Amino acid sequence: MPWDREGEHVMVSEWWIVAAAVVGVVAVLSISELIIRRRRQARAAGLQAKVDRLREELAEAVEQVEDHAQQQTTGTRKAMGGE
């Protein structure tokens, strides 16, 4: 326990202890929120990359289907005596 200059016992005020505890809790909560936010951002970036990749794959698949349909149409016309 601390002593003052006259050798008398000095009590640490309880509000300092409470204030220190509050600061500690706020710091832990802030750090936790920061970690959660970073994880969400990383997950969102990963999901956006996946969406972009799937859009590219979809565009390629649509193009292939259109090409195939065009070939089928051309083949059908030739078979029926058309162009």
N, C-alpha and C. Protein backbone atom coordinates (compact mmCIF):
# COMPACT_ATOMS: atom_id res chain seq x y z
N MET A 1 0.84 -1.17 0.00
CA MET A 1 0.00 0.00 0.00
C MET A 1 0.89 1.24 0.00
N PRO A 2 0.49 2.25 -0.75
CA PRO A 2 1.30 3.47 -0.80
C PRO A 2 1.24 4.26 0.51
N TRP A 3 2.30 5.00 0.74
CA TRP A 3 2.38 5.86 1.93
C TRP A 3 2.66 7.27 1.48
N ASP A 4 2.11 8.25 2.20
CA ASP A 4 2.42 9.64 1.87
C ASP A 4 3.71 10.04 2.58
N ARG A 5 4.12 11.29 2.44
CA ARG A 5 5.40 11.75 2.99
C ARG A 5 5.43 11.73 4.52
N GLU A 6 4.30 11.85 5.14
CA GLU A 6 4.26 11.84 6.59
C GLU A 6 4.19 10.41 7.14
N GLY A 7 4.20 9.41 6.26
CA GLY A 7 4.17 8.03 6.72
C GLY A 7 2.76 7.51 6.97
N GLU A 8 1.76 8.28 6.56
CA GLU A 8 0.39 7.83 6.74
C GLU A 8 -0.04 7.01 5.52
N HIS A 9 -0.89 6.07 5.78
CA HIS A 9 -1.40 5.19 4.71
C HIS A 9 -2.31 5.99 3.78
N VAL A 10 -2.11 5.81 2.46
CA VAL A 10 -2.92 6.52 1.46
C VAL A 10 -3.73 5.48 0.70
N MET A 11 -5.03 5.64 0.68
CA MET A 11 -5.91 4.71 -0.05
C MET A 11 -5.98 5.13 -1.52
N VAL A 12 -5.88 4.15 -2.37
CA VAL A 12 -6.06 4.44 -3.79
C VAL A 12 -7.55 4.59 -4.03
N SER A 13 -7.91 5.69 -4.59
CA SER A 13 -9.32 5.97 -4.80
C SER A 13 -9.93 4.92 -5.74
N GLU A 14 -11.08 4.45 -5.39
CA GLU A 14 -11.73 3.40 -6.19
C GLU A 14 -12.05 3.86 -7.59
N TRP A 15 -12.29 5.14 -7.78
CA TRP A 15 -12.66 5.58 -9.12
C TRP A 15 -11.51 5.44 -10.10
N TRP A 16 -10.27 5.50 -9.63
CA TRP A 16 -9.14 5.26 -10.52
C TRP A 16 -9.12 3.81 -10.99
N ILE A 17 -9.46 2.91 -10.10
CA ILE A 17 -9.51 1.49 -10.46
C ILE A 17 -10.62 1.25 -11.47
N VAL A 18 -11.78 1.85 -11.20
CA VAL A 18 -12.91 1.71 -12.13
C VAL A 18 -12.57 2.32 -13.48
N ALA A 19 -11.96 3.48 -13.48
CA ALA A 19 -11.59 4.15 -14.73
C ALA A 19 -10.60 3.29 -15.53
N ALA A 20 -9.64 2.71 -14.85
CA ALA A 20 -8.66 1.86 -15.52
C ALA A 20 -9.34 0.62 -16.11
N ALA A 21 -10.28 0.07 -15.37
CA ALA A 21 -11.01 -1.11 -15.87
C ALA A 21 -11.85 -0.74 -17.09
N VAL A 22 -12.50 0.40 -17.04
CA VAL A 22 -13.31 0.85 -18.18
C VAL A 22 -12.43 1.06 -19.40
N VAL A 23 -11.29 1.71 -19.23
CA VAL A 23 -10.37 1.92 -20.34
C VAL A 23 -9.92 0.58 -20.92
N GLY A 24 -9.62 -0.36 -20.06
CA GLY A 24 -9.22 -1.69 -20.52
C GLY A 24 -10.31 -2.39 -21.30
N VAL A 25 -11.53 -2.33 -20.81
CA VAL A 25 -12.66 -2.97 -21.50
C VAL A 25 -12.90 -2.31 -22.85
N VAL A 26 -12.87 -0.97 -22.88
CA VAL A 26 -13.07 -0.26 -24.15
C VAL A 26 -11.97 -0.62 -25.14
N ALA A 27 -10.74 -0.73 -24.68
CA ALA A 27 -9.64 -1.10 -25.57
C ALA A 27 -9.84 -2.50 -26.15
N VAL A 28 -10.22 -3.44 -25.32
CA VAL A 28 -10.45 -4.81 -25.78
C VAL A 28 -11.61 -4.85 -26.79
N LEU A 29 -12.69 -4.14 -26.49
CA LEU A 29 -13.82 -4.11 -27.42
C LEU A 29 -13.46 -3.45 -28.73
N SER A 30 -12.68 -2.40 -28.69
CA SER A 30 -12.26 -1.71 -29.91
C SER A 30 -11.39 -2.61 -30.77
N ILE A 31 -10.45 -3.29 -30.14
CA ILE A 31 -9.58 -4.20 -30.88
C ILE A 31 -10.39 -5.35 -31.47
N SER A 32 -11.34 -5.87 -30.69
CA SER A 32 -12.18 -6.96 -31.19
C SER A 32 -13.00 -6.50 -32.41
N GLU A 33 -13.56 -5.30 -32.32
CA GLU A 33 -14.34 -4.77 -33.43
C GLU A 33 -13.47 -4.57 -34.67
N LEU A 34 -12.26 -4.11 -34.47
CA LEU A 34 -11.33 -3.93 -35.59
C LEU A 34 -11.03 -5.28 -36.26
N ILE A 35 -10.78 -6.29 -35.46
CA ILE A 35 -10.50 -7.62 -36.00
C ILE A 35 -11.71 -8.14 -36.77
N ILE A 36 -12.89 -7.99 -36.21
CA ILE A 36 -14.11 -8.45 -36.89
C ILE A 36 -14.30 -7.71 -38.20
N ARG A 37 -14.09 -6.39 -38.19
CA ARG A 37 -14.25 -5.59 -39.41
C ARG A 37 -13.27 -6.03 -40.49
N ARG A 38 -12.03 -6.29 -40.11
CA ARG A 38 -11.02 -6.73 -41.09
C ARG A 38 -11.39 -8.10 -41.67
N ARG A 39 -11.88 -8.99 -40.82
CA ARG A 39 -12.29 -10.31 -41.31
C ARG A 39 -13.45 -10.19 -42.28
N ARG A 40 -14.40 -9.32 -41.96
CA ARG A 40 -15.55 -9.10 -42.87
C ARG A 40 -15.08 -8.53 -44.20
N GLN A 41 -14.15 -7.57 -44.15
CA GLN A 41 -13.63 -6.98 -45.38
C GLN A 41 -12.91 -8.03 -46.23
N ALA A 42 -12.13 -8.87 -45.58
CA ALA A 42 -11.41 -9.92 -46.31
C ALA A 42 -12.39 -10.91 -46.92
N ARG A 43 -13.42 -11.26 -46.16
CA ARG A 43 -14.44 -12.19 -46.67
C ARG A 43 -15.19 -11.57 -47.83
N ALA A 44 -15.55 -10.30 -47.70
CA ALA A 44 -16.26 -9.60 -48.78
C ALA A 44 -15.39 -9.53 -50.03
N ALA A 45 -14.11 -9.26 -49.86
CA ALA A 45 -13.20 -9.20 -51.01
C ALA A 45 -13.10 -10.57 -51.68
N GLY A 46 -13.03 -11.62 -50.88
CA GLY A 46 -12.99 -12.97 -51.43
C GLY A 46 -14.26 -13.32 -52.17
N LEU A 47 -15.40 -12.94 -51.60
CA LEU A 47 -16.67 -13.20 -52.26
C LEU A 47 -16.80 -12.40 -53.54
N GLN A 48 -16.32 -11.16 -53.54
CA GLN A 48 -16.39 -10.34 -54.76
C GLN A 48 -15.53 -10.95 -55.85
N ALA A 49 -14.36 -11.46 -55.50
CA ALA A 49 -13.50 -12.12 -56.48
C ALA A 49 -14.19 -13.35 -57.05
N LYS A 50 -14.88 -14.10 -56.20
CA LYS A 50 -15.60 -15.28 -56.66
C LYS A 50 -16.73 -14.88 -57.60
N VAL A 51 -17.47 -13.82 -57.26
CA VAL A 51 -18.56 -13.34 -58.12
C VAL A 51 -18.00 -12.92 -59.48
N ASP A 52 -16.89 -12.20 -59.47
CA ASP A 52 -16.27 -11.76 -60.73
C ASP A 52 -15.87 -12.96 -61.58
N ARG A 53 -15.28 -13.96 -60.96
CA ARG A 53 -14.87 -15.16 -61.69
C ARG A 53 -16.08 -15.89 -62.27
N LEU A 54 -17.14 -16.00 -61.47
CA LEU A 54 -18.35 -16.67 -61.94
C LEU A 54 -19.02 -15.90 -63.09
N ARG A 55 -18.96 -14.57 -63.03
CA ARG A 55 -19.51 -13.76 -64.13
C ARG A 55 -18.75 -14.03 -65.42
N GLU A 56 -17.43 -14.12 -65.31
CA GLU A 56 -16.61 -14.42 -66.49
C GLU A 56 -16.96 -15.80 -67.04
N GLU A 57 -17.08 -16.78 -66.14
CA GLU A 57 -17.42 -18.14 -66.57
C GLU A 57 -18.81 -18.16 -67.21
N LEU A 58 -19.74 -17.42 -66.65
CA LEU A 58 -21.09 -17.37 -67.21
C LEU A 58 -21.08 -16.75 -68.60
N ALA A 59 -20.33 -15.66 -68.76
CA ALA A 59 -20.25 -15.02 -70.08
C ALA A 59 -19.67 -15.99 -71.11
N GLU A 60 -18.64 -16.74 -70.72
CA GLU A 60 -18.05 -17.72 -71.63
C GLU A 60 -19.04 -18.83 -71.96
N ALA A 61 -19.78 -19.28 -70.95
CA ALA A 61 -20.76 -20.35 -71.17
C ALA A 61 -21.87 -19.86 -72.09
N VAL A 62 -22.34 -18.64 -71.91
CA VAL A 62 -23.39 -18.09 -72.77
C VAL A 62 -22.88 -17.99 -74.20
N GLU A 63 -21.65 -17.55 -74.35
CA GLU A 63 -21.06 -17.45 -75.69
C GLU A 63 -20.98 -18.82 -76.35
N GLN A 64 -20.59 -19.83 -75.60
CA GLN A 64 -20.51 -21.18 -76.15
C GLN A 64 -21.89 -21.70 -76.56
N VAL A 65 -22.89 -21.43 -75.73
CA VAL A 65 -24.25 -21.86 -76.05
C VAL A 65 -24.74 -21.15 -77.29
N GLU A 66 -24.48 -19.85 -77.41
CA GLU A 66 -24.90 -19.11 -78.59
C GLU A 66 -24.20 -19.64 -79.84
N ASP A 67 -22.89 -19.92 -79.74
CA ASP A 67 -22.16 -20.48 -80.88
C ASP A 67 -22.74 -21.83 -81.28
N HIS A 68 -23.01 -22.66 -80.28
CA HIS A 68 -23.58 -23.98 -80.55
C HIS A 68 -24.96 -23.85 -81.20
N ALA A 69 -25.77 -22.94 -80.72
CA ALA A 69 -27.10 -22.74 -81.28
C ALA A 69 -26.99 -22.25 -82.72
N GLN A 70 -26.03 -21.36 -82.97
CA GLN A 70 -25.83 -20.86 -84.34
C GLN A 70 -25.41 -22.01 -85.26
N GLN A 71 -24.53 -22.87 -84.79
CA GLN A 71 -24.10 -24.01 -85.59
C GLN A 71 -25.27 -24.96 -85.86
N GLN A 72 -26.09 -25.17 -84.86
CA GLN A 72 -27.25 -26.05 -85.03
C GLN A 72 -28.23 -25.46 -86.04
N THR A 73 -28.42 -24.15 -85.94
CA THR A 73 -29.34 -23.48 -86.87
C THR A 73 -28.82 -23.59 -88.29
N THR A 74 -27.52 -23.34 -88.45
CA THR A 74 -26.91 -23.42 -89.78
C THR A 74 -27.00 -24.86 -90.31
N GLY A 75 -26.71 -25.82 -89.47
CA GLY A 75 -26.78 -27.22 -89.88
C GLY A 75 -28.20 -27.63 -90.24
N THR A 76 -29.17 -27.17 -89.52
CA THR A 76 -30.57 -27.50 -89.79
C THR A 76 -30.99 -26.89 -91.12
N ARG A 77 -30.59 -25.65 -91.38
CA ARG A 77 -30.94 -25.00 -92.66
C ARG A 77 -30.34 -25.77 -93.84
N LYS A 78 -29.10 -26.19 -93.69
CA LYS A 78 -28.44 -26.93 -94.78
C LYS A 78 -29.15 -28.27 -94.99
N ALA A 79 -29.53 -28.91 -93.89
CA ALA A 79 -30.20 -30.21 -93.98
C ALA A 79 -31.57 -30.07 -94.66
N MET A 80 -32.20 -28.92 -94.46
CA MET A 80 -33.54 -28.70 -95.05
C MET A 80 -33.44 -28.13 -96.46
N GLY A 81 -32.21 -28.00 -96.97
CA GLY A 81 -32.04 -27.51 -98.34
C GLY A 81 -31.94 -26.01 -98.42
N GLY A 82 -31.73 -25.36 -97.33
CA GLY A 82 -31.59 -23.92 -97.34
C GLY A 82 -30.16 -23.52 -97.59
N GLU A 83 -29.76 -22.39 -97.08
CA GLU A 83 -28.41 -21.86 -97.30
C GLU A 83 -27.36 -22.74 -96.77
